């Protein structure tokens, strides 16, 4: 299943917004929301390419 860019961005900005079964809330750092739009887009593109 491929993730959409919007889902990836939400997962970066608010990692506890959607918790996948088998995982606990609070596992991911929540300090990436301050990335510039350019950096966020580059990060999303990198993640989506994997």
C-alpha atoms as a PDB file:
ATOM      1  CA  UNK A   1       0.000   0.000   0.000  1.00  0.00           C
ATOM      2  CA  UNK A   2       1.465   3.346  -1.030  1.00  0.00           C
ATOM      3  CA  UNK A   3       1.102   6.290   1.319  1.00  0.00           C
ATOM      4  CA  UNK A   4      -0.069   9.610  -0.036  1.00  0.00           C
ATOM      5  CA  UNK A   5       1.997  12.763   0.402  1.00  0.00           C
ATOM      6  CA  UNK A   6      -0.688  14.133   2.736  1.00  0.00           C
ATOM      7  CA  UNK A   7      -0.510  11.031   4.953  1.00  0.00           C
ATOM      8  CA  UNK A   8       3.284  11.198   5.066  1.00  0.00           C
ATOM      9  CA  UNK A   9       3.215  14.892   5.988  1.00  0.00           C
ATOM     10  CA  UNK A  10       0.610  14.319   8.698  1.00  0.00           C
ATOM     11  CA  UNK A  11       2.700  11.466  10.076  1.00  0.00           C
ATOM     12  CA  UNK A  12       5.746  13.748  10.240  1.00  0.00           C
ATOM     13  CA  UNK A  13       3.963  16.770  11.732  1.00  0.00           C
ATOM     14  CA  UNK A  14       1.650  14.824  14.093  1.00  0.00           C
ATOM     15  CA  UNK A  15       3.076  11.327  14.555  1.00  0.00           C
ATOM     16  CA  UNK A  16       0.350  10.300  17.017  1.00  0.00           C
ATOM     17  CA  UNK A  17      -2.540  11.362  14.741  1.00  0.00           C
ATOM     18  CA  UNK A  18      -2.969   7.811  13.405  1.00  0.00           C
ATOM     19  CA  UNK A  19      -1.501   4.880  15.310  1.00  0.00           C
ATOM     20  CA  UNK A  20      -1.026   1.667  13.342  1.00  0.00           C
ATOM     21  CA  UNK A  21      -2.156  -1.526  15.096  1.00  0.00           C
ATOM     22  CA  UNK A  22       0.715  -3.064  17.018  1.00  0.00           C
ATOM     23  CA  UNK A  23       2.432   0.275  17.740  1.00  0.00           C
ATOM     24  CA  UNK A  24       2.124   2.612  20.710  1.00  0.00           C
ATOM     25  CA  UNK A  25       1.611   6.366  20.740  1.00  0.00           C
ATOM     26  CA  UNK A  26       4.586   8.474  21.727  1.00  0.00           C
ATOM     27  CA  UNK A  27       7.262   6.418  19.946  1.00  0.00           C
ATOM     28  CA  UNK A  28       8.145   9.068  17.360  1.00  0.00           C
ATOM     29  CA  UNK A  29       9.710  12.438  18.035  1.00  0.00           C
ATOM     30  CA  UNK A  30       7.400  15.357  17.404  1.00  0.00           C
ATOM     31  CA  UNK A  31       9.908  18.067  16.478  1.00  0.00           C
ATOM     32  CA  UNK A  32       9.861  17.951  12.682  1.00  0.00           C
ATOM     33  CA  UNK A  33       6.837  20.241  12.271  1.00  0.00           C
ATOM     34  CA  UNK A  34       9.085  23.299  12.048  1.00  0.00           C
ATOM     35  CA  UNK A  35      10.667  22.245   8.760  1.00  0.00           C
ATOM     36  CA  UNK A  36      10.444  24.726   5.902  1.00  0.00           C
ATOM     37  CA  UNK A  37       8.023  23.840   3.101  1.00  0.00           C
ATOM     38  CA  UNK A  38      10.980  23.072   0.843  1.00  0.00           C
ATOM     39  CA  UNK A  39      12.577  20.742   3.392  1.00  0.00           C
ATOM     40  CA  UNK A  40       9.234  19.058   4.148  1.00  0.00           C
ATOM     41  CA  UNK A  41       8.630  18.432   0.430  1.00  0.00           C
ATOM     42  CA  UNK A  42      12.136  16.996   0.031  1.00  0.00           C
ATOM     43  CA  UNK A  43      11.634  14.706   3.029  1.00  0.00           C
ATOM     44  CA  UNK A  44       8.240  13.539   1.726  1.00  0.00           C
ATOM     45  CA  UNK A  45       9.731  12.866  -1.717  1.00  0.00           C
ATOM     46  CA  UNK A  46      12.548  10.841  -0.147  1.00  0.00           C
ATOM     47  CA  UNK A  47      10.188   8.772   2.003  1.00  0.00           C
ATOM     48  CA  UNK A  48       7.769   8.202  -0.906  1.00  0.00           C
ATOM     49  CA  UNK A  49      10.629   7.000  -3.128  1.00  0.00           C
ATOM     50  CA  UNK A  50      11.470   4.154  -0.752  1.00  0.00           C
END
